[in-house]
Amino acid sequence: MMKQRRIVIGIVAVFLVLAGGVAVWRVVDQRRQAASLAGTAAEGVDLASTAAVLKAARTYIGEQELGKAEAVLRRALEDRSDDALMRELLGDVLLQGDDEPAAMAQYAAVADRTDASAEALFKAGSLAAGMGEFERAVAYLARATKAEPGNVEAAVQLANALLELNRVPEAKVELTRAVVLDEGVGMAWGMLAEIAVRENKLEMATQHIVKARTFEPGSIPWRVLEARVMRRMGEPEKSVMLLDGLRGETRFEPSVVAEMAASLGMLDRADDAMTIYRVAVRERPADGELRYEAAVWAERVGEIEEARELAQSAAMLGEARARDLLERLGED
């Protein structure tokens, strides 16, 4: 991701921040505000009362005063560090402020307790999965589903983490349980379809995709998955037609363009696939993944100089795979 410098007026510091500067800057700003308001934010709040602290913190959250909410919670936790409700809310505040590691520390402190609630376990597991800590996510989410067997969201999240660990049979069990609990969970049907594709059970995948798209008709991933199944079943024309019906920005999503290009390739229309990539890159110039995939296709159709330029720009945008491609193409 691009880095950006932000000069803080009145403070001798220059912060190099990620994600366009927004997320990390918000974390730094919230930390500073919480520290400066450690005393004043808690004024008039009965710190001995969990209900009073939670009410004050939630009021600050509602007013978008995350630093104050954090300050009052931290002040109360100084005296009652074992209060699970306050610590869990502190995790919520930190996560809202985009400080995932700090939020994870608070959620874990609650979730690691033997009396952790299903909600606390779900939060810890979901965030762990989002941070790529899938073993940890499975441990928390498995406990969440045990504590609350009817929690469909926890079952789906657990299945997702299991899939990331290639524990497919266990993931199928969780997804099947999820659709039994609530047939209308499109995500579960879509994930079952993805598993069926992996196992080359294309007819079954088609059945699951129909369910997924029935309950989530606007989902681009399920439409792309359906197109992939059509191509795998030897019907690339239908795949192209399905994706060609997309309009607006979604038409240029990397997954959409990649599947469209693959289907056109099967139809011996590699030049048309490259044309689509050129249009997509023009429409989304800051998308490193798209530029990398376009470079791969440019190499495929023999446009080596174009492939090199696309790979160079993809590398500059942080696409790690572009470096290997550049080595193969030979950098100027």
Protein backbone atom coordinates (compact mmCIF):
# COMPACT_ATOMS: atom_id res chain seq x y z
CA MET A 1 0.00 0.00 0.00
CA MET A 2 1.06 3.51 -0.61
CA LYS A 3 2.73 5.38 2.23
CA GLN A 4 2.05 8.95 3.03
CA ARG A 5 3.72 11.48 5.30
CA ARG A 6 1.70 13.53 7.71
CA ILE A 7 3.25 16.43 9.62
CA VAL A 8 1.69 17.05 13.00
CA ILE A 9 1.58 20.78 13.59
CA GLY A 10 2.86 21.76 17.04
CA ILE A 11 4.56 18.40 17.63
CA VAL A 12 8.08 17.64 16.47
CA ALA A 13 7.19 14.39 14.68
CA VAL A 14 6.58 12.99 11.25
CA PHE A 15 4.50 9.84 11.06
CA LEU A 16 4.88 7.35 8.22
CA VAL A 17 1.44 5.76 8.08
CA LEU A 18 -0.12 2.96 6.09
CA ALA A 19 -3.44 2.60 4.28
CA GLY A 20 -3.33 6.10 2.93
CA GLY A 21 -2.62 7.37 6.43
CA VAL A 22 -6.16 6.99 7.72
CA ALA A 23 -6.12 3.87 9.91
CA VAL A 24 -2.77 4.29 11.65
CA TRP A 25 -3.27 8.00 12.13
CA ARG A 26 -6.59 7.30 13.84
CA VAL A 27 -4.86 4.83 16.18
CA VAL A 28 -2.11 7.34 17.06
CA ASP A 29 -4.65 10.11 17.59
CA GLN A 30 -6.86 7.92 19.77
CA ARG A 31 -3.90 6.79 21.90
CA ARG A 32 -2.85 10.40 22.47
CA GLN A 33 -6.39 11.50 23.29
CA ALA A 34 -6.90 8.62 25.72
CA ALA A 35 -3.65 9.43 27.53
CA SER A 36 -4.39 13.15 27.80
CA LEU A 37 -7.94 12.54 29.03
CA ALA A 38 -7.17 9.73 31.48
CA GLY A 39 -8.43 11.79 34.38
CA THR A 40 -10.99 14.18 32.91
CA ALA A 41 -12.94 11.57 30.92
CA ALA A 42 -13.67 9.66 34.11
CA GLU A 43 -14.79 12.70 36.11
CA GLY A 44 -18.27 12.22 37.54
CA VAL A 45 -18.30 8.50 36.64
CA ASP A 46 -18.74 5.96 39.42
CA LEU A 47 -15.73 3.79 38.56
CA ALA A 48 -16.82 1.19 41.09
CA SER A 49 -19.98 0.53 39.06
CA THR A 50 -19.62 -1.50 35.88
CA ALA A 51 -22.97 -0.25 34.64
CA ALA A 52 -21.93 3.40 35.12
CA VAL A 53 -18.60 2.91 33.35
CA LEU A 54 -20.21 1.08 30.43
CA LYS A 55 -22.87 3.75 30.10
CA ALA A 56 -20.29 6.54 30.07
CA ALA A 57 -18.09 4.71 27.55
CA ARG A 58 -21.03 3.97 25.26
CA THR A 59 -22.10 7.60 25.41
CA TYR A 60 -18.61 8.64 24.29
CA ILE A 61 -18.70 6.01 21.54
CA GLY A 62 -22.03 7.37 20.32
CA GLU A 63 -20.46 10.81 20.15
CA GLN A 64 -17.45 9.41 18.26
CA GLU A 65 -15.18 10.31 21.18
CA LEU A 66 -13.23 7.05 21.09
CA GLY A 67 -10.28 8.46 23.01
CA LYS A 68 -12.55 9.42 25.89
CA ALA A 69 -14.28 6.04 25.83
CA GLU A 70 -10.91 4.31 25.96
CA ALA A 71 -9.74 6.58 28.77
CA VAL A 72 -12.68 5.93 31.07
CA LEU A 73 -12.51 2.17 30.47
CA ARG A 74 -8.76 2.01 31.12
CA ARG A 75 -9.14 4.09 34.27
CA ALA A 76 -11.84 1.76 35.61
CA LEU A 77 -9.83 -1.35 34.68
CA GLU A 78 -6.89 -0.10 36.74
CA ASP A 79 -8.87 -1.00 39.85
CA ARG A 80 -10.88 -3.94 38.43
CA SER A 81 -8.78 -5.63 35.79
CA ASP A 82 -10.91 -8.81 35.88
CA ASP A 83 -14.10 -7.07 34.72
CA ALA A 84 -14.90 -8.93 31.48
CA LEU A 85 -17.62 -6.58 30.27
CA MET A 86 -15.45 -3.48 30.52
CA ARG A 87 -12.47 -5.21 28.92
CA GLU A 88 -14.60 -6.52 26.05
CA LEU A 89 -15.97 -3.04 25.40
CA LEU A 90 -12.43 -1.66 25.46
CA GLY A 91 -11.63 -4.18 22.74
CA ASP A 92 -14.60 -2.88 20.73
CA VAL A 93 -13.37 0.68 21.11
CA LEU A 94 -9.84 -0.20 20.04
CA LEU A 95 -11.13 -2.16 17.04
CA GLN A 96 -13.34 0.74 16.01
CA GLY A 97 -10.20 2.85 16.13
CA ASP A 98 -8.46 0.35 13.78
CA ASP A 99 -5.95 -0.91 16.36
CA GLU A 100 -6.39 -4.62 15.74
CA PRO A 101 -3.43 -5.89 17.84
CA ALA A 102 -4.55 -3.90 20.88
CA ALA A 103 -8.17 -4.99 20.40
CA MET A 104 -7.03 -8.60 20.09
CA ALA A 105 -5.15 -8.34 23.38
CA GLN A 106 -8.33 -7.20 25.16
CA TYR A 107 -10.57 -9.80 23.51
CA ALA A 108 -8.06 -12.56 24.29
CA ALA A 109 -7.89 -11.53 27.94
CA VAL A 110 -11.64 -12.18 28.12
CA ALA A 111 -11.82 -15.17 25.78
CA ASP A 112 -9.02 -17.04 27.57
CA ARG A 113 -11.14 -17.22 30.70
CA THR A 114 -13.05 -20.44 31.39
CA ASP A 115 -16.28 -18.46 31.85
CA ALA A 116 -15.99 -16.50 28.58
CA SER A 117 -19.29 -15.79 26.86
CA ALA A 118 -20.07 -17.03 23.36
CA GLU A 119 -20.07 -13.41 22.16
CA ALA A 120 -16.60 -12.73 23.57
CA LEU A 121 -15.29 -15.94 22.01
CA PHE A 122 -16.86 -15.03 18.68
CA LYS A 123 -15.27 -11.59 18.69
CA ALA A 124 -11.84 -13.01 19.57
CA GLY A 125 -12.11 -15.75 16.96
CA SER A 126 -13.35 -13.47 14.21
CA LEU A 127 -10.62 -10.92 14.78
CA ALA A 128 -7.95 -13.63 14.99
CA ALA A 129 -9.13 -14.94 11.62
CA GLY A 130 -9.07 -11.44 10.18
CA MET A 131 -5.48 -11.09 11.35
CA GLY A 132 -4.51 -14.40 9.75
CA GLU A 133 -4.13 -16.30 13.03
CA PHE A 134 -6.31 -19.21 11.94
CA GLU A 135 -5.27 -21.81 14.53
CA ARG A 136 -6.11 -19.33 17.25
CA ALA A 137 -9.36 -18.45 15.49
CA VAL A 138 -10.43 -22.10 15.33
CA ALA A 139 -9.77 -22.56 19.04
CA TYR A 140 -11.94 -19.56 20.01
CA LEU A 141 -14.71 -20.17 17.48
CA ALA A 142 -15.00 -23.86 18.35
CA ARG A 143 -15.61 -22.84 21.95
CA ALA A 144 -18.11 -20.20 20.77
CA THR A 145 -20.17 -22.80 18.85
CA LYS A 146 -20.05 -25.12 21.84
CA ALA A 147 -21.22 -22.37 24.17
CA GLU A 148 -23.97 -21.33 21.76
CA PRO A 149 -24.80 -24.19 19.35
CA GLY A 150 -27.38 -22.09 17.51
CA ASN A 151 -24.92 -19.34 16.56
CA VAL A 152 -24.88 -19.58 12.76
CA GLU A 153 -22.36 -16.77 12.30
CA ALA A 154 -19.87 -18.52 14.57
CA ALA A 155 -20.29 -21.77 12.63
CA VAL A 156 -19.63 -20.01 9.31
CA GLN A 157 -16.62 -18.16 10.70
CA LEU A 158 -15.26 -21.39 12.13
CA ALA A 159 -15.70 -23.11 8.76
CA ASN A 160 -13.84 -20.29 7.05
CA ALA A 161 -10.89 -20.57 9.44
CA LEU A 162 -10.86 -24.36 9.01
CA LEU A 163 -10.75 -23.95 5.23
CA GLU A 164 -7.77 -21.63 5.57
CA LEU A 165 -6.03 -24.50 7.40
CA ASN A 166 -7.17 -26.95 4.70
CA ARG A 167 -9.26 -28.84 7.24
CA VAL A 168 -11.99 -29.38 4.66
CA PRO A 169 -14.03 -32.23 6.22
CA GLU A 170 -14.41 -30.29 9.48
CA ALA A 171 -15.36 -27.14 7.55
CA LYS A 172 -18.08 -29.06 5.69
CA VAL A 173 -19.52 -30.25 8.99
CA GLU A 174 -19.79 -26.68 10.28
CA LEU A 175 -21.29 -25.36 7.03
CA THR A 176 -23.84 -28.17 6.89
CA ARG A 177 -24.80 -27.40 10.48
CA ALA A 178 -25.14 -23.72 9.58
CA VAL A 179 -27.59 -24.33 6.71
CA VAL A 180 -29.58 -26.73 8.87
CA LEU A 181 -29.89 -24.01 11.49
CA ASP A 182 -30.74 -21.36 8.88
CA GLU A 183 -31.22 -22.35 5.24
CA GLY A 184 -31.05 -18.70 4.19
CA VAL A 185 -27.35 -18.21 4.95
CA GLY A 186 -26.01 -17.53 1.46
CA MET A 187 -22.42 -17.42 2.67
CA ALA A 188 -22.59 -21.02 3.87
CA TRP A 189 -24.03 -22.24 0.56
CA GLY A 190 -21.37 -20.32 -1.35
CA MET A 191 -18.59 -21.84 0.74
CA LEU A 192 -20.05 -25.32 0.23
CA ALA A 193 -20.04 -24.60 -3.50
CA GLU A 194 -16.38 -23.56 -3.34
CA ILE A 195 -15.51 -26.81 -1.58
CA ALA A 196 -17.42 -28.81 -4.20
CA VAL A 197 -15.44 -27.04 -6.95
CA ARG A 198 -12.19 -27.94 -5.19
CA GLU A 199 -13.35 -31.55 -5.11
CA ASN A 200 -14.38 -31.35 -8.79
CA LYS A 201 -18.00 -32.09 -7.88
CA LEU A 202 -19.32 -29.56 -10.35
CA GLU A 203 -22.98 -30.64 -10.40
CA MET A 204 -23.12 -30.36 -6.62
CA ALA A 205 -21.33 -27.01 -6.81
CA THR A 206 -23.98 -25.76 -9.23
CA GLN A 207 -26.76 -26.75 -6.82
CA HIS A 208 -25.07 -24.94 -3.95
CA ILE A 209 -24.44 -21.83 -6.06
CA VAL A 210 -28.12 -21.65 -6.97
CA LYS A 211 -28.89 -21.58 -3.25
CA ALA A 212 -26.19 -18.99 -2.54
CA ARG A 213 -27.38 -16.66 -5.31
CA THR A 214 -31.01 -17.11 -4.28
CA PHE A 215 -30.29 -15.81 -0.80
CA GLU A 216 -27.57 -13.31 -1.85
CA PRO A 217 -28.52 -12.33 -5.41
CA GLY A 218 -26.19 -9.34 -5.48
CA SER A 219 -23.07 -11.24 -4.41
CA ILE A 220 -20.25 -10.86 -6.92
CA PRO A 221 -18.17 -13.79 -5.52
CA TRP A 222 -21.02 -16.25 -6.09
CA ARG A 223 -21.56 -14.96 -9.62
CA VAL A 224 -17.84 -15.37 -10.35
CA LEU A 225 -17.91 -18.86 -8.84
CA GLU A 226 -20.88 -19.80 -11.02
CA ALA A 227 -18.98 -18.54 -14.07
CA ARG A 228 -15.95 -20.62 -13.07
CA VAL A 229 -18.11 -23.74 -12.75
CA MET A 230 -19.57 -23.09 -16.21
CA ARG A 231 -16.06 -22.83 -17.64
CA ARG A 232 -14.94 -25.99 -15.82
CA MET A 233 -17.97 -27.78 -17.28
CA GLY A 234 -16.87 -26.80 -20.78
CA GLU A 235 -19.24 -23.86 -21.26
CA PRO A 236 -16.94 -20.80 -21.46
CA GLU A 237 -19.45 -18.91 -23.64
CA LYS A 238 -22.02 -19.02 -20.83
CA SER A 239 -19.34 -17.94 -18.36
CA VAL A 240 -18.50 -14.89 -20.47
CA MET A 241 -22.17 -13.99 -20.90
CA LEU A 242 -22.82 -14.24 -17.15
CA LEU A 243 -19.97 -11.89 -16.28
CA ASP A 244 -20.56 -9.59 -19.23
CA GLY A 245 -23.87 -8.66 -17.62
CA LEU A 246 -22.08 -6.88 -14.76
CA ARG A 247 -22.04 -3.11 -14.84
CA GLY A 248 -20.17 -0.35 -13.03
CA GLU A 249 -17.10 -0.79 -10.86
CA THR A 250 -17.80 -4.45 -10.15
CA ARG A 251 -17.04 -5.26 -13.79
CA PHE A 252 -13.37 -4.45 -13.12
CA GLU A 253 -12.90 -6.44 -9.90
CA PRO A 254 -9.76 -8.60 -10.27
CA SER A 255 -11.71 -11.83 -9.72
CA VAL A 256 -14.27 -10.85 -12.38
CA VAL A 257 -11.66 -9.88 -14.96
CA ALA A 258 -9.57 -13.00 -14.24
CA GLU A 259 -12.50 -15.35 -14.78
CA MET A 260 -13.62 -13.49 -17.89
CA ALA A 261 -10.08 -13.70 -19.29
CA ALA A 262 -9.81 -17.42 -18.49
CA SER A 263 -13.06 -18.13 -20.33
CA LEU A 264 -12.00 -16.04 -23.32
CA GLY A 265 -8.72 -17.92 -23.32
CA MET A 266 -10.62 -21.20 -23.63
CA LEU A 267 -12.38 -19.71 -26.64
CA ASP A 268 -9.00 -18.87 -28.25
CA ARG A 269 -9.68 -15.17 -27.73
CA ALA A 270 -6.55 -14.28 -25.78
CA ASP A 271 -6.31 -10.88 -27.49
CA ASP A 272 -9.82 -10.04 -26.30
CA ALA A 273 -8.82 -11.07 -22.79
CA MET A 274 -5.85 -8.71 -22.96
CA THR A 275 -8.10 -5.90 -24.18
CA ILE A 276 -10.35 -6.39 -21.15
CA TYR A 277 -7.32 -6.17 -18.87
CA ARG A 278 -6.17 -2.95 -20.53
CA VAL A 279 -9.59 -1.39 -19.95
CA ALA A 280 -9.68 -2.62 -16.35
CA VAL A 281 -6.22 -1.20 -15.60
CA ARG A 282 -7.24 2.14 -17.07
CA GLU A 283 -10.38 2.18 -14.91
CA ARG A 284 -8.55 1.07 -11.74
CA PRO A 285 -5.01 2.42 -12.07
CA ALA A 286 -4.09 1.92 -8.39
CA ASP A 287 -4.98 -1.78 -8.25
CA GLY A 288 -1.71 -3.70 -8.01
CA GLU A 289 -3.33 -7.13 -8.26
CA LEU A 290 -5.08 -6.14 -11.47
CA ARG A 291 -1.85 -4.81 -12.97
CA TYR A 292 -0.02 -8.01 -12.08
CA GLU A 293 -2.68 -10.20 -13.71
CA ALA A 294 -2.63 -7.93 -16.76
CA ALA A 295 1.15 -8.36 -16.94
CA VAL A 296 0.75 -12.14 -16.90
CA TRP A 297 -1.69 -11.93 -19.80
CA ALA A 298 0.51 -9.51 -21.69
CA GLU A 299 3.35 -12.01 -21.46
CA ARG A 300 0.98 -14.75 -22.64
CA VAL A 301 0.05 -12.85 -25.81
CA GLY A 302 3.65 -11.91 -26.50
CA GLU A 303 3.55 -8.25 -25.44
CA ILE A 304 6.73 -8.49 -23.39
CA GLU A 305 7.46 -4.77 -23.08
CA GLU A 306 3.88 -4.09 -21.95
CA ALA A 307 4.13 -7.02 -19.52
CA ARG A 308 7.33 -5.57 -18.06
CA GLU A 309 5.79 -2.11 -17.61
CA LEU A 310 2.68 -3.54 -15.96
CA ALA A 311 4.73 -5.74 -13.65
CA GLN A 312 6.93 -2.80 -12.65
CA SER A 313 3.92 -0.65 -11.76
CA ALA A 314 2.33 -3.59 -9.90
CA ALA A 315 5.50 -3.99 -7.84
CA MET A 316 5.46 -0.29 -7.01
CA LEU A 317 1.89 -0.73 -5.78
CA GLY A 318 3.00 -3.47 -3.39
CA GLU A 319 2.09 -6.58 -5.37
CA ALA A 320 4.71 -9.07 -4.17
CA ARG A 321 4.23 -11.56 -7.02
CA ALA A 322 5.30 -8.92 -9.53
CA ARG A 323 8.95 -9.22 -8.48
CA ASP A 324 9.17 -12.84 -9.61
CA LEU A 325 7.51 -11.96 -12.89
CA LEU A 326 9.99 -9.15 -13.46
CA GLU A 327 12.87 -11.53 -12.87
CA ARG A 328 11.45 -13.88 -15.48
CA LEU A 329 10.84 -11.06 -17.95
CA GLY A 330 14.18 -9.40 -17.24
CA GLU A 331 14.05 -5.85 -15.85
CA ASP A 332 15.49 -3.04 -17.94
